[in-house]
């Protein structure tokens, strides 16, 4: 499973600080279904890439599959939307932990992942920054 990190459209280093955010665990079908059912997008739909990253990817695929970078390759999401997603997921995990039992300790592990994400999103919100997820390939 590839790592899924977060970046921001301004003050990136200041917003991230010392927090480590890897949301790869939230890319499973369980979470996709949850987010969609709650009016949100699946985590992977929030993944974007810069034109430079897109060009590196283009170099790795067969020539007939290459295409130019487009604005929609770089979706940005409001920090408030991310915080809302986290709040809904936390609430569901408290109210219905039996829905999140794919492995022992799943609820506590996911909450550990959400905590740094919520911290950086709170800082982003205070600065009016949007976020984007990205994956190292």
Protein backbone atom coordinates (compact mmCIF):
# COMPACT_ATOMS: atom_id res chain seq x y z
CA UNK A 1 0.00 0.00 0.00
CA UNK A 2 1.59 3.31 -1.01
CA UNK A 3 1.89 6.12 1.49
CA UNK A 4 -0.55 9.02 1.10
CA UNK A 5 0.73 12.34 2.42
CA UNK A 6 -0.79 15.80 2.72
CA UNK A 7 0.42 19.12 1.33
CA UNK A 8 -1.01 22.61 1.35
CA UNK A 9 -1.30 25.46 -1.11
CA UNK A 10 0.44 27.90 1.24
CA UNK A 11 2.77 27.83 4.25
CA UNK A 12 3.22 24.09 3.73
CA UNK A 13 6.12 23.60 6.16
CA UNK A 14 4.53 25.85 8.78
CA UNK A 15 1.22 23.99 8.60
CA UNK A 16 2.72 20.49 8.68
CA UNK A 17 5.24 21.32 11.40
CA UNK A 18 6.44 18.18 13.16
CA UNK A 19 3.34 16.14 12.33
CA UNK A 20 3.59 13.02 10.20
CA UNK A 21 0.42 12.36 8.20
CA UNK A 22 -0.01 9.16 6.19
CA UNK A 23 -3.61 8.43 5.22
CA UNK A 24 -3.00 5.27 3.19
CA UNK A 25 -4.98 3.22 5.68
CA UNK A 26 -8.07 5.29 4.84
CA UNK A 27 -7.97 4.23 1.20
CA UNK A 28 -9.74 0.90 1.72
CA UNK A 29 -13.24 0.12 0.46
CA UNK A 30 -14.59 0.36 4.03
CA UNK A 31 -13.58 4.01 4.23
CA UNK A 32 -14.49 4.78 0.63
CA UNK A 33 -18.03 3.55 1.29
CA UNK A 34 -18.21 5.50 4.54
CA UNK A 35 -17.09 8.79 3.01
CA UNK A 36 -19.39 8.47 0.00
CA UNK A 37 -22.35 7.57 2.25
CA UNK A 38 -21.63 10.78 4.20
CA UNK A 39 -21.48 13.05 1.19
CA UNK A 40 -17.70 13.11 0.88
CA UNK A 41 -15.25 11.86 -1.72
CA UNK A 42 -13.09 8.76 -1.25
CA UNK A 43 -9.57 9.56 -0.05
CA UNK A 44 -7.92 8.65 -3.35
CA UNK A 45 -10.03 11.21 -5.21
CA UNK A 46 -8.25 13.88 -3.15
CA UNK A 47 -4.84 12.80 -4.46
CA UNK A 48 -3.28 15.23 -6.89
CA UNK A 49 -0.01 15.85 -8.62
CA UNK A 50 1.96 18.81 -9.79
CA UNK A 51 2.83 19.22 -13.47
CA UNK A 52 6.36 18.05 -12.63
CA UNK A 53 5.10 14.93 -10.86
CA UNK A 54 2.78 14.26 -13.77
CA UNK A 55 5.68 14.48 -16.20
CA UNK A 56 7.68 11.97 -14.12
CA UNK A 57 4.71 9.62 -14.20
CA UNK A 58 4.35 10.09 -17.96
CA UNK A 59 7.95 8.99 -18.38
CA UNK A 60 7.16 5.72 -16.57
CA UNK A 61 4.18 4.65 -18.70
CA UNK A 62 4.11 3.47 -22.32
CA UNK A 63 4.05 6.33 -24.81
CA UNK A 64 0.51 5.57 -26.00
CA UNK A 65 -0.76 6.07 -22.43
CA UNK A 66 0.87 9.46 -21.89
CA UNK A 67 -1.22 12.60 -21.78
CA UNK A 68 -0.73 16.25 -20.86
CA UNK A 69 -1.24 17.49 -17.31
CA UNK A 70 -4.67 19.07 -16.64
CA UNK A 71 -5.95 21.26 -13.82
CA UNK A 72 -8.15 18.41 -12.59
CA UNK A 73 -4.96 16.40 -11.97
CA UNK A 74 -4.38 18.70 -9.03
CA UNK A 75 -7.57 18.88 -6.92
CA UNK A 76 -7.48 21.09 -3.84
CA UNK A 77 -9.86 20.67 -0.90
CA UNK A 78 -10.82 23.16 1.79
CA UNK A 79 -9.38 22.38 5.23
CA UNK A 80 -12.89 22.64 6.69
CA UNK A 81 -14.01 19.77 4.41
CA UNK A 82 -11.18 17.59 5.70
CA UNK A 83 -12.02 18.45 9.30
CA UNK A 84 -15.65 17.56 8.65
CA UNK A 85 -14.60 14.21 7.16
CA UNK A 86 -12.50 13.47 10.24
CA UNK A 87 -15.29 14.46 12.64
CA UNK A 88 -17.82 12.23 10.86
CA UNK A 89 -15.41 9.31 10.89
CA UNK A 90 -14.57 9.78 14.58
CA UNK A 91 -18.27 9.98 15.47
CA UNK A 92 -19.05 6.80 13.52
CA UNK A 93 -16.17 4.95 15.16
CA UNK A 94 -17.49 5.89 18.60
CA UNK A 95 -21.16 5.22 17.78
CA UNK A 96 -20.66 2.06 15.71
CA UNK A 97 -17.23 0.54 16.37
CA UNK A 98 -18.52 -2.79 15.09
CA UNK A 99 -18.52 -1.26 11.58
CA UNK A 100 -14.75 -0.86 11.87
CA UNK A 101 -13.48 -4.29 12.91
CA UNK A 102 -11.45 -5.46 9.92
CA UNK A 103 -8.45 -6.05 12.19
CA UNK A 104 -7.84 -5.96 15.95
CA UNK A 105 -7.48 -2.41 17.24
CA UNK A 106 -8.69 -0.82 13.99
CA UNK A 107 -10.60 1.98 15.71
CA UNK A 108 -7.72 3.07 17.94
CA UNK A 109 -5.23 2.84 15.08
CA UNK A 110 -7.37 4.98 12.78
CA UNK A 111 -7.89 7.56 15.53
CA UNK A 112 -4.10 7.73 15.92
CA UNK A 113 -3.88 8.50 12.19
CA UNK A 114 -6.60 11.13 12.37
CA UNK A 115 -5.03 13.12 15.20
CA UNK A 116 -2.06 14.59 13.27
CA UNK A 117 -4.26 15.08 10.19
CA UNK A 118 -6.75 17.09 12.26
CA UNK A 119 -3.93 19.16 13.78
CA UNK A 120 -2.52 20.15 10.40
CA UNK A 121 -6.00 20.80 8.99
CA UNK A 122 -6.76 23.08 11.94
CA UNK A 123 -3.58 25.06 11.26
CA UNK A 124 -4.46 25.17 7.55
CA UNK A 125 -7.96 26.43 8.31
CA UNK A 126 -6.58 29.25 10.44
CA UNK A 127 -4.34 30.30 7.51
CA UNK A 128 -7.02 29.85 4.86
CA UNK A 129 -5.03 27.09 3.16
CA UNK A 130 -6.41 24.22 1.12
CA UNK A 131 -4.99 20.71 1.12
CA UNK A 132 -4.19 18.03 -1.39
CA UNK A 133 -3.10 14.47 -0.88
CA UNK A 134 -0.18 13.02 -2.79
CA UNK A 135 1.47 9.67 -3.03
CA UNK A 136 5.08 8.80 -3.62
CA UNK A 137 5.53 6.52 -6.60
